[in-house]
């Protein structure tokens, strides 16, 4: 599964380059994600969970506006009772009730 917010973030990728080859690669990646995963919407349950996520972020001293996409992704995971798999677990620190699963980024050196 993939959150609608994550898919939206991926959809920006092809627009962020002027290189036609890189743009084609990124379009193919977005299309593959759309094909491989069921998209979880940001629905009413996620909207309610978002309030709790935003509150957790605020209490941990982090600015919610700077983390809006991450907060929405976390809210979708919480609302659906699912773990969140991420290469960037620090982006989701301080969010109660969120089960994080850190995964290595395929392009980053492993320590």
PDB file of N, CA and C in Angstrom:
ATOM      1  N   UNK A   1       0.836  -1.176   0.000  1.00  0.00           N
ATOM      2  CA  UNK A   1       0.000   0.000   0.000  1.00  0.00           C
ATOM      3  C   UNK A   1       0.885   1.246   0.000  1.00  0.00           C
ATOM      4  N   UNK A   2       0.328   2.318  -0.528  1.00  0.00           N
ATOM      5  CA  UNK A   2       1.030   3.597  -0.572  1.00  0.00           C
ATOM      6  C   UNK A   2       0.012   4.692  -0.248  1.00  0.00           C
ATOM      7  N   UNK A   3       0.436   5.674   0.522  1.00  0.00           N
ATOM      8  CA  UNK A   3      -0.493   6.757   0.833  1.00  0.00           C
ATOM      9  C   UNK A   3      -0.650   7.659  -0.391  1.00  0.00           C
ATOM     10  N   UNK A   4      -1.816   8.256  -0.502  1.00  0.00           N
ATOM     11  CA  UNK A   4      -2.055   9.207  -1.593  1.00  0.00           C
ATOM     12  C   UNK A   4      -1.061  10.360  -1.515  1.00  0.00           C
ATOM     13  N   UNK A   5      -0.643  10.706  -0.301  1.00  0.00           N
ATOM     14  CA  UNK A   5       0.309  11.803  -0.131  1.00  0.00           C
ATOM     15  C   UNK A   5       1.678  11.403  -0.674  1.00  0.00           C
ATOM     16  N   UNK A   6       2.111  10.183  -0.394  1.00  0.00           N
ATOM     17  CA  UNK A   6       3.389   9.695  -0.925  1.00  0.00           C
ATOM     18  C   UNK A   6       3.343   9.673  -2.447  1.00  0.00           C
ATOM     19  N   UNK A   7       2.241   9.218  -3.002  1.00  0.00           N
ATOM     20  CA  UNK A   7       2.094   9.199  -4.454  1.00  0.00           C
ATOM     21  C   UNK A   7       2.148  10.616  -5.024  1.00  0.00           C
ATOM     22  N   UNK A   8       1.551  11.568  -4.314  1.00  0.00           N
ATOM     23  CA  UNK A   8       1.611  12.967  -4.748  1.00  0.00           C
ATOM     24  C   UNK A   8       3.045  13.476  -4.732  1.00  0.00           C
ATOM     25  N   UNK A   9       3.807  13.105  -3.686  1.00  0.00           N
ATOM     26  CA  UNK A   9       5.212  13.513  -3.628  1.00  0.00           C
ATOM     27  C   UNK A   9       5.993  12.925  -4.806  1.00  0.00           C
ATOM     28  N   UNK A  10       5.717  11.664  -5.130  1.00  0.00           N
ATOM     29  CA  UNK A  10       6.393  11.037  -6.276  1.00  0.00           C
ATOM     30  C   UNK A  10       6.019  11.725  -7.587  1.00  0.00           C
ATOM     31  N   UNK A  11       4.782  12.179  -7.701  1.00  0.00           N
ATOM     32  CA  UNK A  11       4.313  12.822  -8.930  1.00  0.00           C
ATOM     33  C   UNK A  11       5.020  14.144  -9.201  1.00  0.00           C
ATOM     34  N   UNK A  12       5.607  14.743  -8.175  1.00  0.00           N
ATOM     35  CA  UNK A  12       6.354  15.986  -8.346  1.00  0.00           C
ATOM     36  C   UNK A  12       7.687  15.719  -9.049  1.00  0.00           C
ATOM     37  N   UNK A  13       8.250  14.547  -8.833  1.00  0.00           N
ATOM     38  CA  UNK A  13       9.573  14.205  -9.352  1.00  0.00           C
ATOM     39  C   UNK A  13       9.790  14.490 -10.829  1.00  0.00           C
ATOM     40  N   UNK A  14       8.902  14.025 -11.710  1.00  0.00           N
ATOM     41  CA  UNK A  14       9.117  14.292 -13.136  1.00  0.00           C
ATOM     42  C   UNK A  14       9.085  15.774 -13.495  1.00  0.00           C
ATOM     43  N   UNK A  15       8.401  16.555 -12.682  1.00  0.00           N
ATOM     44  CA  UNK A  15       8.293  17.985 -12.953  1.00  0.00           C
ATOM     45  C   UNK A  15       9.479  18.767 -12.411  1.00  0.00           C
ATOM     46  N   UNK A  16      10.320  18.092 -11.615  1.00  0.00           N
ATOM     47  CA  UNK A  16      11.440  18.763 -10.964  1.00  0.00           C
ATOM     48  C   UNK A  16      12.738  18.666 -11.762  1.00  0.00           C
ATOM     49  N   UNK A  17      12.646  18.177 -12.988  1.00  0.00           N
ATOM     50  CA  UNK A  17      13.843  18.087 -13.825  1.00  0.00           C
ATOM     51  C   UNK A  17      13.510  18.535 -15.249  1.00  0.00           C
ATOM     52  N   UNK A  18      14.498  19.121 -15.899  1.00  0.00           N
ATOM     53  CA  UNK A  18      14.347  19.509 -17.309  1.00  0.00           C
ATOM     54  C   UNK A  18      14.992  18.485 -18.230  1.00  0.00           C
ATOM     55  N   UNK A  19      15.667  17.495 -17.646  1.00  0.00           N
ATOM     56  CA  UNK A  19      16.333  16.451 -18.422  1.00  0.00           C
ATOM     57  C   UNK A  19      15.277  15.445 -18.899  1.00  0.00           C
ATOM     58  N   UNK A  20      15.042  15.341 -20.211  1.00  0.00           N
ATOM     59  CA  UNK A  20      13.975  14.471 -20.703  1.00  0.00           C
ATOM     60  C   UNK A  20      14.185  12.990 -20.370  1.00  0.00           C
ATOM     61  N   UNK A  21      15.431  12.546 -20.309  1.00  0.00           N
ATOM     62  CA  UNK A  21      15.690  11.148 -19.955  1.00  0.00           C
ATOM     63  C   UNK A  21      15.338  10.908 -18.489  1.00  0.00           C
ATOM     64  N   UNK A  22      15.791  11.804 -17.610  1.00  0.00           N
ATOM     65  CA  UNK A  22      15.478  11.678 -16.187  1.00  0.00           C
ATOM     66  C   UNK A  22      13.978  11.806 -15.963  1.00  0.00           C
ATOM     67  N   UNK A  23      13.339  12.692 -16.702  1.00  0.00           N
ATOM     68  CA  UNK A  23      11.896  12.867 -16.572  1.00  0.00           C
ATOM     69  C   UNK A  23      11.164  11.570 -16.946  1.00  0.00           C
ATOM     70  N   UNK A  24      11.596  10.918 -18.010  1.00  0.00           N
ATOM     71  CA  UNK A  24      10.976   9.658 -18.432  1.00  0.00           C
ATOM     72  C   UNK A  24      11.165   8.576 -17.371  1.00  0.00           C
ATOM     73  N   UNK A  25      12.350   8.524 -16.789  1.00  0.00           N
ATOM     74  CA  UNK A  25      12.617   7.547 -15.725  1.00  0.00           C
ATOM     75  C   UNK A  25      11.688   7.786 -14.540  1.00  0.00           C
ATOM     76  N   UNK A  26      11.548   9.049 -14.156  1.00  0.00           N
ATOM     77  CA  UNK A  26      10.705   9.386 -13.002  1.00  0.00           C
ATOM     78  C   UNK A  26       9.228   9.127 -13.290  1.00  0.00           C
ATOM     79  N   UNK A  27       8.787   9.398 -14.503  1.00  0.00           N
ATOM     80  CA  UNK A  27       7.393   9.095 -14.874  1.00  0.00           C
ATOM     81  C   UNK A  27       7.151   7.598 -14.775  1.00  0.00           C
ATOM     82  N   UNK A  28       8.101   6.813 -15.263  1.00  0.00           N
ATOM     83  CA  UNK A  28       7.975   5.352 -15.193  1.00  0.00           C
ATOM     84  C   UNK A  28       7.907   4.883 -13.739  1.00  0.00           C
ATOM     85  N   UNK A  29       8.690   5.514 -12.849  1.00  0.00           N
ATOM     86  CA  UNK A  29       8.661   5.144 -11.430  1.00  0.00           C
ATOM     87  C   UNK A  29       7.303   5.449 -10.807  1.00  0.00           C
ATOM     88  N   UNK A  30       6.727   6.593 -11.143  1.00  0.00           N
ATOM     89  CA  UNK A  30       5.402   6.942 -10.629  1.00  0.00           C
ATOM     90  C   UNK A  30       4.365   5.947 -11.145  1.00  0.00           C
ATOM     91  N   UNK A  31       4.413   5.652 -12.418  1.00  0.00           N
ATOM     92  CA  UNK A  31       3.457   4.708 -12.998  1.00  0.00           C
ATOM     93  C   UNK A  31       3.606   3.314 -12.385  1.00  0.00           C
ATOM     94  N   UNK A  32       4.846   2.912 -12.093  1.00  0.00           N
ATOM     95  CA  UNK A  32       5.077   1.615 -11.467  1.00  0.00           C
ATOM     96  C   UNK A  32       4.487   1.585 -10.067  1.00  0.00           C
ATOM     97  N   UNK A  33       4.683   2.661  -9.309  1.00  0.00           N
ATOM     98  CA  UNK A  33       4.115   2.739  -7.963  1.00  0.00           C
ATOM     99  C   UNK A  33       2.588   2.674  -8.020  1.00  0.00           C
ATOM    100  N   UNK A  34       2.000   3.377  -8.978  1.00  0.00           N
ATOM    101  CA  UNK A  34       0.536   3.349  -9.127  1.00  0.00           C
ATOM    102  C   UNK A  34       0.049   1.943  -9.457  1.00  0.00           C
ATOM    103  N   UNK A  35       0.839   1.219 -10.217  1.00  0.00           N
ATOM    104  CA  UNK A  35       0.476  -0.134 -10.620  1.00  0.00           C
ATOM    105  C   UNK A  35       0.690  -1.161  -9.508  1.00  0.00           C
ATOM    106  N   UNK A  36       1.762  -0.995  -8.740  1.00  0.00           N
ATOM    107  CA  UNK A  36       2.151  -1.993  -7.741  1.00  0.00           C
ATOM    108  C   UNK A  36       1.397  -1.893  -6.417  1.00  0.00           C
ATOM    109  N   UNK A  37       0.910  -0.702  -6.084  1.00  0.00           N
ATOM    110  CA  UNK A  37       0.366  -0.479  -4.749  1.00  0.00           C
ATOM    111  C   UNK A  37      -1.089  -0.035  -4.781  1.00  0.00           C
ATOM    112  N   UNK A  38      -1.818  -0.425  -3.752  1.00  0.00           N
ATOM    113  CA  UNK A  38      -3.148   0.114  -3.493  1.00  0.00           C
ATOM    114  C   UNK A  38      -2.930   1.470  -2.828  1.00  0.00           C
ATOM    115  N   UNK A  39      -3.641   2.493  -3.288  1.00  0.00           N
ATOM    116  CA  UNK A  39      -3.487   3.835  -2.736  1.00  0.00           C
ATOM    117  C   UNK A  39      -4.449   4.045  -1.575  1.00  0.00           C
ATOM    118  N   UNK A  40      -3.884   4.417  -0.432  1.00  0.00           N
ATOM    119  CA  UNK A  40      -4.698   4.731   0.738  1.00  0.00           C
ATOM    120  C   UNK A  40      -5.011   6.224   0.734  1.00  0.00           C
ATOM    121  N   UNK A  41      -6.290   6.601   0.810  1.00  0.00           N
ATOM    122  CA  UNK A  41      -6.650   8.018   0.736  1.00  0.00           C
ATOM    123  C   UNK A  41      -6.432   8.757   2.055  1.00  0.00           C
ATOM    124  N   UNK A  42      -6.350  10.064   1.947  1.00  0.00           N
ATOM    125  CA  UNK A  42      -6.410  10.915   3.135  1.00  0.00           C
ATOM    126  C   UNK A  42      -7.895  11.183   3.338  1.00  0.00           C
ATOM    127  N   UNK A  43      -8.530  10.342   4.178  1.00  0.00           N
ATOM    128  CA  UNK A  43      -9.973  10.399   4.376  1.00  0.00           C
ATOM    129  C   UNK A  43     -10.308  11.006   5.741  1.00  0.00           C
ATOM    130  N   UNK A  44     -11.564  10.871   6.156  1.00  0.00           N
ATOM    131  CA  UNK A  44     -11.997  11.469   7.424  1.00  0.00           C
ATOM    132  C   UNK A  44     -11.237  10.887   8.611  1.00  0.00           C
ATOM    133  N   UNK A  45     -10.996   9.580   8.606  1.00  0.00           N
ATOM    134  CA  UNK A  45     -10.252   8.961   9.713  1.00  0.00           C
ATOM    135  C   UNK A  45      -8.821   9.500   9.750  1.00  0.00           C
ATOM    136  N   UNK A  46      -8.213   9.657   8.589  1.00  0.00           N
ATOM    137  CA  UNK A  46      -6.857  10.214   8.527  1.00  0.00           C
ATOM    138  C   UNK A  46      -6.855  11.673   8.981  1.00  0.00           C
ATOM    139  N   UNK A  47      -7.889  12.404   8.633  1.00  0.00           N
ATOM    140  CA  UNK A  47      -7.976  13.804   9.061  1.00  0.00           C
ATOM    141  C   UNK A  47      -8.041  13.904  10.583  1.00  0.00           C
ATOM    142  N   UNK A  48      -8.797  13.009  11.217  1.00  0.00           N
ATOM    143  CA  UNK A  48      -8.851  13.010  12.683  1.00  0.00           C
ATOM    144  C   UNK A  48      -7.493  12.630  13.270  1.00  0.00           C
ATOM    145  N   UNK A  49      -6.843  11.621  12.700  1.00  0.00           N
ATOM    146  CA  UNK A  49      -5.519  11.210  13.185  1.00  0.00           C
ATOM    147  C   UNK A  49      -4.501  12.324  12.975  1.00  0.00           C
ATOM    148  N   UNK A  50      -4.667  13.110  11.920  1.00  0.00           N
ATOM    149  CA  UNK A  50      -3.752  14.213  11.642  1.00  0.00           C
ATOM    150  C   UNK A  50      -3.720  15.207  12.795  1.00  0.00           C
ATOM    151  N   UNK A  51      -4.864  15.455  13.411  1.00  0.00           N
ATOM    152  CA  UNK A  51      -4.909  16.361  14.558  1.00  0.00           C
ATOM    153  C   UNK A  51      -4.003  15.875  15.675  1.00  0.00           C
ATOM    154  N   UNK A  52      -4.025  14.567  15.952  1.00  0.00           N
ATOM    155  CA  UNK A  52      -3.167  13.997  16.996  1.00  0.00           C
ATOM    156  C   UNK A  52      -1.700  14.066  16.592  1.00  0.00           C
ATOM    157  N   UNK A  53      -1.411  13.763  15.336  1.00  0.00           N
ATOM    158  CA  UNK A  53      -0.027  13.814  14.839  1.00  0.00           C
ATOM    159  C   UNK A  53       0.511  15.244  14.948  1.00  0.00           C
ATOM    160  N   UNK A  54      -0.281  16.214  14.504  1.00  0.00           N
ATOM    161  CA  UNK A  54       0.146  17.619  14.566  1.00  0.00           C
ATOM    162  C   UNK A  54       0.396  18.046  16.005  1.00  0.00           C
ATOM    163  N   UNK A  55      -0.451  17.585  16.911  1.00  0.00           N
ATOM    164  CA  UNK A  55      -0.273  17.912  18.325  1.00  0.00           C
ATOM    165  C   UNK A  55       1.026  17.299  18.862  1.00  0.00           C
ATOM    166  N   UNK A  56       1.297  16.045  18.507  1.00  0.00           N
ATOM    167  CA  UNK A  56       2.544  15.393  18.929  1.00  0.00           C
ATOM    168  C   UNK A  56       3.760  16.153  18.408  1.00  0.00           C
ATOM    169  N   UNK A  57       3.712  16.544  17.151  1.00  0.00           N
ATOM    170  CA  UNK A  57       4.837  17.277  16.570  1.00  0.00           C
ATOM    171  C   UNK A  57       5.046  18.614  17.284  1.00  0.00           C
ATOM    172  N   UNK A  58       3.949  19.306  17.543  1.00  0.00           N
ATOM    173  CA  UNK A  58       4.029  20.595  18.228  1.00  0.00           C
ATOM    174  C   UNK A  58       4.630  20.438  19.625  1.00  0.00           C
ATOM    175  N   UNK A  59       4.182  19.395  20.333  1.00  0.00           N
ATOM    176  CA  UNK A  59       4.689  19.160  21.689  1.00  0.00           C
ATOM    177  C   UNK A  59       6.162  18.750  21.695  1.00  0.00           C
ATOM    178  N   UNK A  60       6.642  18.196  20.598  1.00  0.00           N
ATOM    179  CA  UNK A  60       8.051  17.811  20.530  1.00  0.00           C
ATOM    180  C   UNK A  60       8.919  18.958  20.006  1.00  0.00           C
ATOM    181  N   UNK A  61       8.291  20.126  19.800  1.00  0.00           N
ATOM    182  CA  UNK A  61       9.041  21.306  19.377  1.00  0.00           C
ATOM    183  C   UNK A  61       9.275  21.400  17.885  1.00  0.00           C
ATOM    184  N   UNK A  62       8.578  20.580  17.117  1.00  0.00           N
ATOM    185  CA  UNK A  62       8.748  20.611  15.664  1.00  0.00           C
ATOM    186  C   UNK A  62       7.611  21.402  15.031  1.00  0.00           C
ATOM    187  N   UNK A  63       7.922  22.086  13.947  1.00  0.00           N
ATOM    188  CA  UNK A  63       6.908  22.872  13.247  1.00  0.00           C
ATOM    189  C   UNK A  63       6.081  21.966  12.344  1.00  0.00           C
ATOM    190  N   UNK A  64       4.783  21.964  12.568  1.00  0.00           N
ATOM    191  CA  UNK A  64       3.885  21.114  11.791  1.00  0.00           C
ATOM    192  C   UNK A  64       3.902  21.522  10.323  1.00  0.00           C
ATOM    193  N   UNK A  65       3.930  22.817  10.051  1.00  0.00           N
ATOM    194  CA  UNK A  65       3.877  23.261   8.656  1.00  0.00           C
ATOM    195  C   UNK A  65       5.074  22.761   7.854  1.00  0.00           C
ATOM    196  N   UNK A  66       6.222  22.626   8.493  1.00  0.00           N
ATOM    197  CA  UNK A  66       7.408  22.128   7.799  1.00  0.00           C
ATOM    198  C   UNK A  66       7.311  20.626   7.553  1.00  0.00           C
ATOM    199  N   UNK A  67       6.443  19.950   8.270  1.00  0.00           N
ATOM    200  CA  UNK A  67       6.329  18.497   8.186  1.00  0.00           C
ATOM    201  C   UNK A  67       4.940  18.071   7.716  1.00  0.00           C
ATOM    202  N   UNK A  68       4.220  18.924   7.026  1.00  0.00           N
ATOM    203  CA  UNK A  68       2.828  18.643   6.689  1.00  0.00           C
ATOM    204  C   UNK A  68       2.653  17.339   5.923  1.00  0.00           C
ATOM    205  N   UNK A  69       3.451  17.130   4.882  1.00  0.00           N
ATOM    206  CA  UNK A  69       3.299  15.892   4.106  1.00  0.00           C
ATOM    207  C   UNK A  69       3.599  14.675   4.966  1.00  0.00           C
ATOM    208  N   UNK A  70       4.684  14.745   5.750  1.00  0.00           N
ATOM    209  CA  UNK A  70       5.031  13.628   6.626  1.00  0.00           C
ATOM    210  C   UNK A  70       3.922  13.380   7.649  1.00  0.00           C
ATOM    211  N   UNK A  71       3.365  14.451   8.194  1.00  0.00           N
ATOM    212  CA  UNK A  71       2.286  14.307   9.173  1.00  0.00           C
ATOM    213  C   UNK A  71       1.060  13.664   8.538  1.00  0.00           C
ATOM    214  N   UNK A  72       0.753  14.023   7.309  1.00  0.00           N
ATOM    215  CA  UNK A  72      -0.389  13.410   6.621  1.00  0.00           C
ATOM    216  C   UNK A  72      -0.129  11.924   6.336  1.00  0.00           C
ATOM    217  N   UNK A  73       1.088  11.603   5.930  1.00  0.00           N
ATOM    218  CA  UNK A  73       1.449  10.206   5.679  1.00  0.00           C
ATOM    219  C   UNK A  73       1.330   9.403   6.974  1.00  0.00           C
ATOM    220  N   UNK A  74       1.839   9.955   8.076  1.00  0.00           N
ATOM    221  CA  UNK A  74       1.741   9.283   9.375  1.00  0.00           C
ATOM    222  C   UNK A  74       0.282   9.103   9.781  1.00  0.00           C
ATOM    223  N   UNK A  75      -0.529  10.113   9.549  1.00  0.00           N
ATOM    224  CA  UNK A  75      -1.951  10.045   9.909  1.00  0.00           C
ATOM    225  C   UNK A  75      -2.662   8.944   9.131  1.00  0.00           C
ATOM    226  N   UNK A  76      -2.343   8.783   7.870  1.00  0.00           N
ATOM    227  CA  UNK A  76      -2.954   7.719   7.072  1.00  0.00           C
ATOM    228  C   UNK A  76      -2.563   6.352   7.631  1.00  0.00           C
ATOM    229  N   UNK A  77      -1.287   6.183   7.991  1.00  0.00           N
ATOM    230  CA  UNK A  77      -0.840   4.911   8.564  1.00  0.00           C
ATOM    231  C   UNK A  77      -1.563   4.626   9.883  1.00  0.00           C
ATOM    232  N   UNK A  78      -1.631   5.627  10.756  1.00  0.00           N
ATOM    233  CA  UNK A  78      -2.293   5.453  12.047  1.00  0.00           C
ATOM    234  C   UNK A  78      -3.769   5.136  11.855  1.00  0.00           C
ATOM    235  N   UNK A  79      -4.446   5.880  10.989  1.00  0.00           N
ATOM    236  CA  UNK A  79      -5.882   5.686  10.765  1.00  0.00           C
ATOM    237  C   UNK A  79      -6.193   4.295  10.230  1.00  0.00           C
ATOM    238  N   UNK A  80      -5.246   3.713   9.496  1.00  0.00           N
ATOM    239  CA  UNK A  80      -5.459   2.391   8.920  1.00  0.00           C
ATOM    240  C   UNK A  80      -4.832   1.275   9.751  1.00  0.00           C
ATOM    241  N   UNK A  81      -4.224   1.637  10.888  1.00  0.00           N
ATOM    242  CA  UNK A  81      -3.609   0.634  11.754  1.00  0.00           C
ATOM    243  C   UNK A  81      -2.456  -0.091  11.092  1.00  0.00           C
ATOM    244  N   UNK A  82      -1.682   0.647  10.290  1.00  0.00           N
ATOM    245  CA  UNK A  82      -0.588   0.048   9.533  1.00  0.00           C
ATOM    246  C   UNK A  82       0.755   0.620   9.965  1.00  0.00           C
ATOM    247  N   UNK A  83       1.815  -0.177   9.856  1.00  0.00           N
ATOM    248  CA  UNK A  83       3.146   0.373  10.084  1.00  0.00           C
ATOM    249  C   UNK A  83       3.537   1.265   8.911  1.00  0.00           C
ATOM    250  N   UNK A  84       4.445   2.182   9.167  1.00  0.00           N
ATOM    251  CA  UNK A  84       4.944   3.065   8.124  1.00  0.00           C
ATOM    252  C   UNK A  84       6.392   2.665   7.822  1.00  0.00           C
ATOM    253  N   UNK A  85       6.632   2.234   6.607  1.00  0.00           N
ATOM    254  CA  UNK A  85       7.966   1.864   6.156  1.00  0.00           C
ATOM    255  C   UNK A  85       8.609   3.093   5.532  1.00  0.00           C
ATOM    256  N   UNK A  86       9.810   3.441   5.993  1.00  0.00           N
ATOM    257  CA  UNK A  86      10.450   4.657   5.512  1.00  0.00           C
ATOM    258  C   UNK A  86      11.969   4.564   5.544  1.00  0.00           C
ATOM    259  N   UNK A  87      12.578   5.251   4.611  1.00  0.00           N
ATOM    260  CA  UNK A  87      14.039   5.405   4.600  1.00  0.00           C
ATOM    261  C   UNK A  87      14.458   6.556   5.504  1.00  0.00           C
ATOM    262  N   UNK A  88      13.491   7.325   5.977  1.00  0.00           N
ATOM    263  CA  UNK A  88      13.764   8.515   6.788  1.00  0.00           C
ATOM    264  C   UNK A  88      12.994   8.477   8.110  1.00  0.00           C
ATOM    265  N   UNK A  89      13.313   7.533   8.993  1.00  0.00           N
ATOM    266  CA  UNK A  89      12.540   7.438  10.237  1.00  0.00           C
ATOM    267  C   UNK A  89      12.610   8.687  11.104  1.00  0.00           C
ATOM    268  N   UNK A  90      13.724   9.448  11.006  1.00  0.00           N
ATOM    269  CA  UNK A  90      13.834  10.665  11.821  1.00  0.00           C
ATOM    270  C   UNK A  90      12.770  11.692  11.439  1.00  0.00           C
ATOM    271  N   UNK A  91      12.245  11.617  10.218  1.00  0.00           N
ATOM    272  CA  UNK A  91      11.191  12.542   9.806  1.00  0.00           C
ATOM    273  C   UNK A  91       9.898  12.323  10.584  1.00  0.00           C
ATOM    274  N   UNK A  92       9.763  11.140  11.184  1.00  0.00           N
ATOM    275  CA  UNK A  92       8.527  10.777  11.863  1.00  0.00           C
ATOM    276  C   UNK A  92       8.708  10.628  13.374  1.00  0.00           C
ATOM    277  N   UNK A  93       9.829  11.096  13.893  1.00  0.00           N
ATOM    278  CA  UNK A  93      10.110  10.994  15.326  1.00  0.00           C
ATOM    279  C   UNK A  93       9.105  11.802  16.130  1.00  0.00           C
ATOM    280  N   UNK A  94       8.753  11.283  17.293  1.00  0.00           N
ATOM    281  CA  UNK A  94       7.881  12.012  18.215  1.00  0.00           C
ATOM    282  C   UNK A  94       6.408  11.873  17.946  1.00  0.00           C
ATOM    283  N   UNK A  95       6.010  10.924  17.097  1.00  0.00           N
ATOM    284  CA  UNK A  95       4.591  10.740  16.788  1.00  0.00           C
ATOM    285  C   UNK A  95       4.098   9.495  17.509  1.00  0.00           C
ATOM    286  N   UNK A  96       3.271   9.697  18.530  1.00  0.00           N
ATOM    287  CA  UNK A  96       2.734   8.584  19.314  1.00  0.00           C
ATOM    288  C   UNK A  96       1.799   7.729  18.466  1.00  0.00           C
ATOM    289  N   UNK A  97       1.848   6.428  18.713  1.00  0.00           N
ATOM    290  CA  UNK A  97       0.935   5.507  18.037  1.00  0.00           C
ATOM    291  C   UNK A  97       1.338   5.146  16.628  1.00  0.00           C
ATOM    292  N   UNK A  98       2.491   5.634  16.188  1.00  0.00           N
ATOM    293  CA  UNK A  98       2.956   5.321  14.835  1.00  0.00           C
ATOM    294  C   UNK A  98       4.016   4.239  14.918  1.00  0.00           C
ATOM    295  N   UNK A  99       3.764   3.120  14.254  1.00  0.00           N
ATOM    296  CA  UNK A  99       4.747   2.043  14.185  1.00  0.00           C
ATOM    297  C   UNK A  99       5.640   2.297  12.972  1.00  0.00           C
ATOM    298  N   UNK A 100       6.909   2.569  13.234  1.00  0.00           N
ATOM    299  CA  UNK A 100       7.863   2.861  12.167  1.00  0.00           C
ATOM    300  C   UNK A 100       8.711   1.633  11.865  1.00  0.00           C
ATOM    301  N   UNK A 101       8.944   1.406  10.588  1.00  0.00           N
ATOM    302  CA  UNK A 101       9.858   0.357  10.149  1.00  0.00           C
ATOM    303  C   UNK A 101      10.876   1.034   9.245  1.00  0.00           C
ATOM    304  N   UNK A 102      12.113   1.119   9.722  1.00  0.00           N
ATOM    305  CA  UNK A 102      13.183   1.741   8.934  1.00  0.00           C
ATOM    306  C   UNK A 102      13.657   0.756   7.872  1.00  0.00           C
ATOM    307  N   UNK A 103      13.755   1.249   6.650  1.00  0.00           N
ATOM    308  CA  UNK A 103      14.271   0.429   5.559  1.00  0.00           C
ATOM    309  C   UNK A 103      15.448   1.165   4.916  1.00  0.00           C
ATOM    310  N   UNK A 104      16.443   0.426   4.464  1.00  0.00           N
ATOM    311  CA  UNK A 104      17.587   1.091   3.829  1.00  0.00           C
ATOM    312  C   UNK A 104      17.196   1.647   2.462  1.00  0.00           C
ATOM    313  N   UNK A 105      17.740   2.800   2.158  1.00  0.00           N
ATOM    314  CA  UNK A 105      17.519   3.391   0.841  1.00  0.00           C
ATOM    315  C   UNK A 105      18.402   2.636  -0.154  1.00  0.00           C
ATOM    316  N   UNK A 106      17.866   2.219  -1.285  1.00  0.00           N
ATOM    317  CA  UNK A 106      18.653   1.409  -2.214  1.00  0.00           C
ATOM    318  C   UNK A 106      19.861   2.150  -2.817  1.00  0.00           C
ATOM    319  N   UNK A 107      19.833   3.477  -2.808  1.00  0.00           N
ATOM    320  CA  UNK A 107      20.915   4.245  -3.412  1.00  0.00           C
ATOM    321  C   UNK A 107      21.928   4.786  -2.403  1.00  0.00           C
ATOM    322  N   UNK A 108      21.684   4.566  -1.105  1.00  0.00           N
ATOM    323  CA  UNK A 108      22.576   5.115  -0.080  1.00  0.00           C
ATOM    324  C   UNK A 108      23.506   4.029   0.428  1.00  0.00           C
ATOM    325  N   UNK A 109      24.771   4.372   0.700  1.00  0.00           N
ATOM    326  CA  UNK A 109      25.701   3.379   1.246  1.00  0.00           C
ATOM    327  C   UNK A 109      25.209   2.881   2.604  1.00  0.00           C
ATOM    328  N   UNK A 110      25.372   1.608   2.825  1.00  0.00           N
ATOM    329  CA  UNK A 110      24.944   0.998   4.092  1.00  0.00           C
ATOM    330  C   UNK A 110      26.110   1.016   5.077  1.00  0.00           C
ATOM    331  N   UNK A 111      25.795   1.341   6.331  1.00  0.00           N
ATOM    332  CA  UNK A 111      26.859   1.371   7.349  1.00  0.00           C
ATOM    333  C   UNK A 111      26.889   0.096   8.145  1.00  0.00           C
TER     334      UNK A 111
END
